[in-house]
Protein backbone atom coordinates (compact mmCIF):
# COMPACT_ATOMS: atom_id res chain seq x y z
CA MET A 1 78.30 -196.53 -63.66
CA SER A 2 80.78 -195.14 -60.96
CA VAL A 3 79.99 -191.73 -59.36
CA LYS A 4 83.03 -189.62 -59.31
CA ILE A 5 83.95 -186.54 -57.36
CA SER A 6 84.78 -183.27 -59.27
CA GLN A 7 88.01 -181.23 -58.80
CA LYS A 8 86.10 -178.37 -57.36
CA GLN A 9 84.44 -180.84 -54.81
CA LYS A 10 87.83 -182.02 -53.85
CA GLU A 11 88.92 -178.40 -53.33
CA PHE A 12 85.74 -177.64 -51.24
CA LEU A 13 86.53 -180.70 -48.88
CA ASP A 14 90.09 -179.28 -48.49
CA TRP A 15 88.60 -175.87 -47.23
CA GLU A 16 87.08 -177.91 -44.30
CA PHE A 17 86.35 -174.96 -41.95
CA GLY A 18 84.27 -171.86 -43.01
CA VAL A 19 82.29 -169.09 -41.20
CA PHE A 20 78.64 -168.03 -41.95
CA PHE A 21 77.91 -164.38 -41.54
CA HIS A 22 74.11 -163.60 -40.88
CA PHE A 23 73.94 -159.80 -41.14
CA GLY A 24 71.20 -157.50 -42.50
CA ILE A 25 68.11 -155.64 -41.58
CA ARG A 26 67.21 -158.26 -38.88
CA THR A 27 70.36 -157.38 -37.05
CA PHE A 28 68.77 -154.05 -36.14
CA TYR A 29 65.37 -155.38 -35.10
CA GLU A 30 65.77 -157.45 -31.85
CA GLY A 31 63.56 -160.60 -31.42
CA HIS A 32 62.31 -160.85 -35.15
CA VAL A 33 62.01 -164.39 -36.28
CA ASP A 34 61.51 -165.92 -39.58
CA TRP A 35 58.01 -165.43 -41.13
CA ASP A 36 56.62 -163.20 -38.38
CA LEU A 37 55.99 -160.61 -41.11
CA LYS A 38 56.61 -157.90 -38.55
CA GLU A 39 57.84 -154.70 -40.33
CA MET A 40 61.39 -153.96 -40.32
CA PRO A 41 61.70 -150.48 -42.02
CA VAL A 42 64.86 -149.82 -44.02
CA GLU A 43 65.71 -146.90 -41.99
CA GLY A 44 66.69 -149.16 -39.30
CA PHE A 45 69.80 -150.38 -41.07
CA ASN A 46 72.86 -148.14 -40.09
CA PRO A 47 76.07 -150.12 -39.26
CA THR A 48 78.05 -146.86 -38.69
CA GLU A 49 81.28 -148.71 -37.90
CA LEU A 50 80.99 -151.55 -40.53
CA ASP A 51 84.27 -153.14 -40.98
CA CYS A 52 84.31 -156.63 -42.97
CA GLU A 53 87.98 -156.88 -42.63
CA ASN A 54 87.33 -157.09 -38.98
CA TRP A 55 85.27 -160.12 -39.59
CA ILE A 56 87.70 -161.75 -42.29
CA LYS A 57 90.90 -160.93 -40.48
CA ALA A 58 89.51 -162.73 -37.46
CA ILE A 59 88.36 -165.86 -39.10
CA SER A 60 91.49 -166.22 -41.21
CA GLU A 61 93.60 -166.15 -38.11
CA ALA A 62 91.26 -168.88 -36.81
CA GLY A 63 92.12 -171.03 -39.86
CA ALA A 64 88.91 -170.64 -41.77
CA LYS A 65 89.33 -171.03 -45.44
CA TYR A 66 85.96 -169.73 -46.69
CA ALA A 67 82.96 -167.47 -45.63
CA VAL A 68 79.45 -167.20 -46.69
CA LEU A 69 77.72 -163.82 -46.45
CA VAL A 70 73.87 -163.54 -46.09
CA CYS A 71 73.10 -161.21 -49.00
CA LYS A 72 69.32 -161.62 -48.91
CA HIS A 73 67.46 -163.31 -46.18
CA HIS A 74 63.86 -164.41 -46.24
CA ASP A 75 62.81 -160.82 -45.22
CA GLY A 76 63.94 -159.60 -48.69
CA PHE A 77 66.38 -156.91 -47.69
CA ALA A 78 69.36 -156.70 -49.95
CA ASN A 79 72.83 -156.08 -48.56
CA TRP A 80 73.87 -154.62 -51.92
CA PRO A 81 72.30 -151.66 -53.80
CA SER A 82 69.98 -153.88 -56.19
CA LYS A 83 68.16 -152.17 -59.06
CA TYR A 84 65.33 -154.61 -58.48
CA THR A 85 64.08 -153.59 -55.03
CA ASP A 86 63.62 -150.50 -52.92
CA TYR A 87 64.36 -152.61 -49.76
CA SER A 88 68.01 -152.42 -49.81
CA VAL A 89 71.13 -150.58 -48.44
CA ALA A 90 70.52 -147.97 -51.20
CA ASN A 91 67.54 -146.57 -49.24
CA SER A 92 69.20 -146.95 -45.80
CA PRO A 93 70.80 -144.13 -43.91
CA TRP A 94 74.11 -146.10 -43.86
CA LYS A 95 76.57 -144.04 -45.95
CA ASN A 96 73.66 -141.90 -47.17
CA GLY A 97 72.58 -144.84 -49.33
CA LYS A 98 76.02 -145.25 -51.02
CA GLY A 99 77.12 -148.29 -49.14
CA ASP A 100 77.39 -151.91 -50.44
CA VAL A 101 77.96 -154.65 -47.79
CA VAL A 102 78.59 -157.23 -50.38
CA ASP A 103 81.32 -155.46 -51.96
CA GLU A 104 83.20 -154.58 -48.76
CA TYR A 105 82.79 -158.29 -47.71
CA VAL A 106 84.18 -159.58 -51.13
CA LYS A 107 87.12 -157.19 -50.98
CA ALA A 108 88.04 -158.37 -47.48
CA CYS A 109 87.87 -161.99 -48.41
CA ARG A 110 90.14 -161.39 -51.28
CA LYS A 111 92.72 -159.42 -49.23
CA TYR A 112 92.90 -162.36 -46.67
CA GLY A 113 92.71 -165.12 -49.13
CA VAL A 114 89.37 -166.55 -47.92
CA LYS A 115 87.07 -168.08 -50.50
CA VAL A 116 83.90 -166.08 -51.22
CA GLY A 117 80.52 -167.42 -50.50
CA LEU A 118 77.08 -165.58 -50.88
CA TYR A 119 73.93 -166.86 -49.45
CA TYR A 120 70.62 -165.96 -51.08
CA SER A 121 67.25 -166.91 -49.94
CA PRO A 122 64.85 -167.80 -52.90
CA ALA A 123 61.83 -167.31 -50.85
CA GLN A 124 59.11 -164.77 -51.91
CA PHE A 125 59.28 -162.40 -49.05
CA GLY A 126 56.88 -160.41 -46.85
CA SER A 127 53.87 -158.93 -48.56
CA VAL A 128 55.39 -158.78 -52.07
CA LYS A 129 53.27 -160.82 -54.28
CA MET A 130 54.19 -161.83 -57.83
CA ASN A 131 53.26 -164.82 -60.02
CA ALA A 132 55.68 -167.58 -60.55
CA GLU A 133 57.35 -166.25 -63.82
CA GLU A 134 57.56 -162.71 -62.35
CA TYR A 135 59.30 -164.01 -59.22
CA ASP A 136 61.68 -166.06 -61.46
CA ASP A 137 62.66 -162.99 -63.32
CA TYR A 138 63.14 -161.11 -60.02
CA PHE A 139 65.15 -164.01 -58.62
CA ILE A 140 67.40 -164.26 -61.78
CA ASN A 141 67.96 -160.47 -61.97
CA GLN A 142 69.10 -160.34 -58.36
CA ILE A 143 71.43 -163.31 -58.54
CA SER A 144 72.77 -162.12 -61.80
CA GLU A 145 73.78 -158.91 -60.08
CA LEU A 146 75.56 -160.89 -57.33
CA LEU A 147 77.31 -163.04 -59.89
CA THR A 148 78.18 -160.28 -62.33
CA ASN A 149 79.27 -157.29 -60.17
CA TYR A 150 81.78 -158.95 -57.68
CA GLY A 151 84.17 -160.98 -59.78
CA LYS A 152 84.68 -164.67 -58.91
CA ILE A 153 82.24 -166.18 -56.69
CA ASP A 154 83.38 -169.60 -55.26
CA TYR A 155 80.22 -170.71 -53.45
CA LEU A 156 76.41 -169.97 -53.68
CA TRP A 157 74.43 -170.96 -50.68
CA PHE A 158 70.74 -171.52 -51.39
CA ASP A 159 68.24 -171.82 -48.29
CA GLY A 160 65.33 -173.83 -49.35
CA CYS A 161 63.21 -172.70 -46.19
CA GLY A 162 60.11 -170.64 -47.25
CA SER A 163 60.00 -171.96 -50.87
CA GLU A 164 57.35 -174.48 -50.14
CA GLY A 165 54.55 -174.27 -52.74
CA HIS A 166 56.44 -172.04 -55.25
CA GLN A 167 57.30 -173.73 -58.65
CA TYR A 168 60.69 -172.35 -59.69
CA ASN A 169 61.92 -172.79 -63.22
CA THR A 170 65.12 -174.34 -62.13
CA LYS A 171 66.47 -175.30 -65.25
CA ARG A 172 66.44 -171.47 -66.39
CA ILE A 173 67.75 -170.39 -62.97
CA ILE A 174 70.64 -172.90 -62.97
CA ALA A 175 71.63 -172.39 -66.60
CA GLU A 176 71.94 -168.56 -65.76
CA ILE A 177 74.00 -169.11 -62.75
CA ARG A 178 76.29 -171.76 -64.46
CA SER A 179 76.82 -169.44 -67.53
CA LEU A 180 77.70 -166.40 -65.22
CA GLN A 181 80.08 -168.42 -62.86
CA PRO A 182 80.95 -171.62 -64.56
CA GLU A 183 83.28 -172.75 -61.59
CA ILE A 184 80.99 -171.97 -58.97
CA LEU A 185 79.84 -174.75 -56.16
CA ILE A 186 76.09 -174.61 -55.42
CA PHE A 187 74.93 -175.70 -51.98
CA ASN A 188 72.09 -178.43 -51.59
CA MET A 189 69.46 -177.27 -54.20
CA TRP A 190 68.43 -177.91 -57.87
CA ASP A 191 72.01 -178.67 -59.32
CA PRO A 192 73.95 -179.08 -56.03
CA ASP A 193 77.69 -179.53 -55.55
CA THR A 194 77.46 -180.02 -51.91
CA ALA A 195 74.80 -181.22 -49.33
CA TRP A 196 73.22 -180.32 -46.10
CA CYS A 197 73.92 -182.53 -43.11
CA LYS A 198 70.26 -182.32 -42.20
CA ASN A 199 70.53 -180.63 -38.78
CA GLU A 200 71.81 -177.17 -37.61
CA ARG A 201 73.95 -178.35 -34.69
CA GLY A 202 77.13 -179.08 -36.85
CA TYR A 203 76.95 -182.73 -36.44
CA CYS A 204 77.55 -185.28 -39.40
CA GLU A 205 76.27 -188.75 -39.27
CA MET A 206 78.45 -191.91 -39.29
CA PRO A 207 79.18 -193.35 -41.76
CA ASN A 208 79.43 -190.46 -44.03
CA TYR A 209 79.55 -191.73 -47.51
CA ASN A 210 79.52 -188.94 -49.96
CA VAL A 211 77.69 -190.71 -52.73
CA ARG A 212 74.04 -189.91 -52.11
CA GLU A 213 70.76 -190.01 -53.87
CA PHE A 214 69.25 -186.76 -55.26
CA GLU A 215 66.05 -186.67 -57.14
CA GLY A 216 66.39 -190.34 -58.08
CA GLU A 217 70.00 -190.01 -59.24
CA MET A 218 73.24 -190.99 -57.35
CA LYS A 219 75.50 -188.01 -57.11
CA TYR A 220 78.72 -187.44 -55.29
CA LEU A 221 77.64 -184.75 -52.72
CA PRO A 222 80.01 -183.87 -49.85
CA TYR A 223 78.24 -182.84 -46.58
CA GLU A 224 78.46 -179.22 -44.98
CA CYS A 225 77.63 -178.99 -41.26
CA ASP A 226 76.29 -175.59 -40.23
CA CYS A 227 75.59 -174.28 -36.60
CA ARG A 228 75.75 -171.30 -34.60
CA ILE A 229 78.41 -169.94 -32.32
CA ARG A 230 75.53 -168.33 -30.10
CA GLN A 231 71.96 -169.13 -29.83
CA ASN A 232 70.56 -167.31 -32.90
CA TRP A 233 71.80 -166.60 -36.45
CA PHE A 234 71.50 -162.90 -36.43
CA TYR A 235 73.02 -160.81 -33.63
CA PHE A 236 70.71 -160.42 -30.54
CA ASP A 237 71.37 -158.36 -27.34
CA SER A 238 69.90 -161.21 -25.46
CA ASP A 239 72.55 -163.67 -26.75
CA ARG A 240 75.41 -162.12 -24.82
CA ASP A 241 75.59 -165.00 -22.45
CA THR A 242 75.08 -168.00 -25.14
CA LEU A 243 78.60 -168.21 -26.54
CA LYS A 244 79.70 -171.70 -27.06
CA ASP A 245 82.63 -172.67 -25.01
CA LEU A 246 85.80 -174.31 -26.48
CA ASP A 247 85.22 -177.89 -25.53
CA THR A 248 81.76 -177.83 -27.44
CA LEU A 249 83.26 -176.16 -30.58
CA MET A 250 85.98 -178.88 -30.60
CA GLY A 251 83.27 -181.57 -30.10
CA ILE A 252 81.35 -180.04 -33.17
CA TYR A 253 84.81 -179.96 -35.12
CA LEU A 254 85.28 -183.65 -34.35
CA TYR A 255 81.72 -184.68 -35.54
CA SER A 256 82.02 -182.69 -38.68
CA VAL A 257 85.39 -182.25 -40.09
CA GLY A 258 86.50 -185.36 -38.11
CA ARG A 259 83.79 -187.24 -40.03
CA GLY A 260 84.82 -186.14 -43.49
CA ALA A 261 82.42 -183.13 -43.83
CA ASN A 262 83.04 -179.39 -43.77
CA LEU A 263 82.11 -177.24 -40.90
CA LEU A 264 80.30 -173.70 -41.36
CA LEU A 265 80.19 -171.84 -38.00
CA ASN A 266 77.82 -168.93 -37.81
CA ILE A 267 78.72 -165.68 -36.20
CA GLY A 268 76.41 -162.57 -36.29
CA PRO A 269 78.20 -159.14 -36.58
CA ASP A 270 76.67 -156.72 -34.24
CA ARG A 271 74.82 -153.47 -34.93
CA ARG A 272 78.01 -151.60 -35.29
CA GLY A 273 78.95 -153.86 -38.10
CA LEU A 274 81.64 -155.54 -36.08
CA LEU A 275 82.44 -158.97 -34.55
CA LEU A 276 82.24 -158.87 -30.71
CA GLU A 277 85.43 -159.21 -29.07
CA GLU A 278 84.46 -162.32 -27.10
CA ASP A 279 83.46 -163.95 -30.46
CA ILE A 280 86.87 -163.08 -31.89
CA LYS A 281 88.79 -164.42 -28.94
CA ARG A 282 86.70 -167.66 -29.01
CA ILE A 283 87.18 -168.43 -32.57
CA LYS A 284 91.01 -167.78 -32.23
CA GLU A 285 90.97 -170.02 -29.29
CA PHE A 286 89.19 -172.68 -31.50
CA GLY A 287 91.65 -172.23 -34.39
CA ASP A 288 94.67 -172.41 -32.04
CA GLU A 289 93.27 -175.53 -30.31
CA ILE A 290 92.85 -177.25 -33.68
CA LYS A 291 96.51 -176.53 -34.37
CA ARG A 292 97.69 -177.60 -31.07
CA ARG A 293 95.98 -181.00 -31.34
CA PHE A 294 96.38 -181.74 -35.12
CA GLY A 295 98.92 -179.32 -36.31
CA THR A 296 102.05 -181.28 -36.07
CA PRO A 297 101.99 -185.06 -36.44
CA LEU A 298 104.22 -187.43 -34.66
CA LYS A 299 104.52 -189.21 -37.92
CA ARG A 300 102.78 -188.88 -41.21
CA VAL A 301 102.83 -191.46 -44.05
CA GLU A 302 101.77 -190.63 -47.56
CA LYS A 303 100.13 -193.18 -49.85
CA PRO A 304 100.48 -196.03 -47.21
CA GLU A 305 99.99 -199.53 -48.61
CA ALA A 306 97.81 -202.11 -46.72
CA THR A 307 98.78 -205.80 -46.50
CA ASP A 308 95.84 -208.00 -46.03
CA GLY A 309 93.72 -204.84 -45.04
CA LYS A 310 96.33 -203.99 -42.29
CA VAL A 311 98.55 -200.87 -41.89
CA SER A 312 101.24 -200.35 -39.14
CA ILE A 313 102.87 -197.15 -38.08
CA VAL A 314 105.97 -197.87 -35.89
CA PHE A 315 107.70 -195.36 -33.64
CA ASP A 316 111.40 -195.40 -32.56
CA ASP A 317 110.49 -194.25 -29.16
CA ASP A 318 107.64 -194.58 -26.98
CA PRO A 319 105.41 -191.35 -27.59
CA ALA A 320 102.06 -190.38 -26.02
CA LEU A 321 99.33 -190.97 -28.50
CA HIS A 322 95.92 -189.42 -28.72
CA ALA A 323 94.66 -189.51 -32.43
CA VAL A 324 95.05 -190.88 -35.80
CA ILE A 325 93.83 -189.03 -39.08
CA LEU A 326 93.18 -191.03 -42.11
CA LYS A 327 92.54 -189.78 -45.73
CA GLU A 328 91.11 -191.66 -48.31
CA ASP A 329 91.72 -191.40 -52.01
CA LEU A 330 88.37 -189.80 -53.05
CA GLU A 331 88.69 -191.27 -56.46
CA ALA A 332 88.00 -194.72 -54.95
CA ASP A 333 84.30 -194.22 -54.13
CA ASP A 334 84.53 -194.41 -50.38
CA VAL A 335 85.70 -198.07 -50.42
CA ILE A 336 86.75 -198.20 -46.69
CA GLU A 337 83.68 -199.38 -44.66
CA ASP A 338 85.31 -199.46 -41.26
CA VAL A 339 88.48 -199.30 -39.32
CA ASP A 340 89.72 -201.09 -36.16
CA VAL A 341 92.46 -199.28 -34.26
CA SER A 342 94.92 -200.82 -31.94
CA VAL A 343 98.12 -199.85 -30.13
CA SER A 344 101.12 -202.04 -29.22
CA ILE A 345 102.76 -200.86 -26.01
CA TYR A 346 105.81 -202.99 -26.30
CA ASN A 347 107.97 -204.25 -29.25
CA ASN A 348 106.11 -207.57 -29.35
CA GLU A 349 102.67 -208.41 -30.81
CA ASP A 350 100.63 -207.53 -27.61
CA GLU A 351 98.06 -205.02 -28.57
CA ILE A 352 95.56 -202.77 -26.81
CA TYR A 353 92.22 -202.32 -28.81
CA LEU A 354 91.33 -198.68 -29.07
CA GLY A 355 88.14 -198.83 -30.93
CA ARG A 356 86.40 -198.71 -34.35
CA ALA A 357 85.21 -196.10 -36.72
CA VAL A 358 82.87 -196.40 -39.57
CA GLY A 359 84.03 -195.11 -42.97
CA VAL A 360 86.89 -192.74 -43.80
CA GLY A 361 86.32 -190.46 -46.83
CA HIS A 362 88.01 -187.00 -47.05
CA LYS A 363 89.12 -187.20 -43.51
CA LEU A 364 88.53 -189.44 -40.46
CA ILE A 365 89.87 -188.07 -37.10
CA PHE A 366 89.87 -191.04 -34.69
CA THR A 367 90.81 -189.94 -31.10
CA PHE A 368 91.25 -191.96 -27.99
CA PRO A 369 92.43 -191.36 -24.34
CA THR A 370 96.04 -190.69 -24.33
CA ILE A 371 98.24 -193.81 -24.35
CA ILE A 372 102.06 -194.48 -24.46
CA GLY A 373 102.56 -196.91 -27.47
CA LYS A 374 105.26 -198.31 -29.81
CA ARG A 375 103.01 -199.00 -32.88
CA ILE A 376 99.70 -198.00 -34.13
CA THR A 377 97.74 -200.70 -36.19
CA LEU A 378 95.01 -200.05 -38.35
CA ARG A 379 92.64 -203.02 -39.80
CA LEU A 380 90.50 -201.98 -42.68
CA LYS A 381 87.34 -203.49 -43.89
CA CYS A 382 86.79 -202.55 -47.41
CA LYS A 383 84.47 -203.01 -50.63
CA GLY A 384 87.24 -202.67 -52.99
CA GLU A 385 90.94 -201.85 -53.41
CA ILE A 386 92.24 -199.83 -50.36
CA LYS A 387 93.71 -196.45 -51.53
CA LEU A 388 94.74 -194.14 -48.72
CA ASN A 389 96.15 -190.76 -49.24
CA GLU A 390 97.59 -190.15 -45.80
CA ILE A 391 97.87 -191.50 -42.23
CA SER A 392 99.04 -189.14 -39.48
CA VAL A 393 99.49 -190.00 -35.81
CA TYR A 394 99.33 -187.44 -33.02
């Protein structure tokens, strides 16, 4: 039986680039790491200048189509006034306990047309001890608050870290989530719509075929690649000199989006509740560079037809070429196995071989040192009928 992509998975892949926001009680306690069990009193949470529009405006201008906010990390602190814990914004000095980070974040996303993602760590945290059924109740109650009180949520990001040894009633949990938000995408766990790339560096393996085995069943699961713009996920004073340079970010983009996956780049808002000016500048440079390299093709062909596995794009003049982007018809089950790319430098058949890429999927960005040429030729090895949505040359 053929495994097919869903409409919402197609839309997810079209988002391509999103931003992760790690922000919470850990932001205010320098040096804390996962599972160190050091106390982080709720009184420490006080982002006096919090402005989620500052975050979302910046990432929107950089070209990000979606965002994911940490609502509860492994420490258990709730970035919204949850009725089910005292460890939340409601008991902090911020806005005299009347604030709600999740609400401000969601409103900012909607203002700038950015898809709304929420992160929730299922891990039982700190010194809180409940039996499995009690914790499932707690889990469902908090998730229900997040999926009921803030309108449509596009993406729910579960982090499996720290859940070892706990038996969740996953059928009950998933049934509740799907009933509250029928169109939601779920990351990586239990009833996933997307999959983790298996590293936190932002790099996707090649080939990246989206049909994967999950719990003994073959499913269509597009990869998402998460990574950090600085050394740590949450803001640290000591991270001020660890900002990734533009060249590194472009490499990450080519190894994620350029291999048919999504990129989720983490930025940690500071203790004011704002993005650092250097981070805003860098992601703007990043977005501008993506547009400069891939915003305006020299030539774009929609639904190109291959003859004997070969497709050629011919130019009237002799442009300088540096990249080809291919997009496969995702209904075709990733049939393209590899692509050989050559360029003709004159009108005759003489060709310069540029290299090979393995797989295409949602998007393949094939780059090469700039060369002046007359025709790009692609030779495709396939396991079925070739169905390309688009070829663009840059």
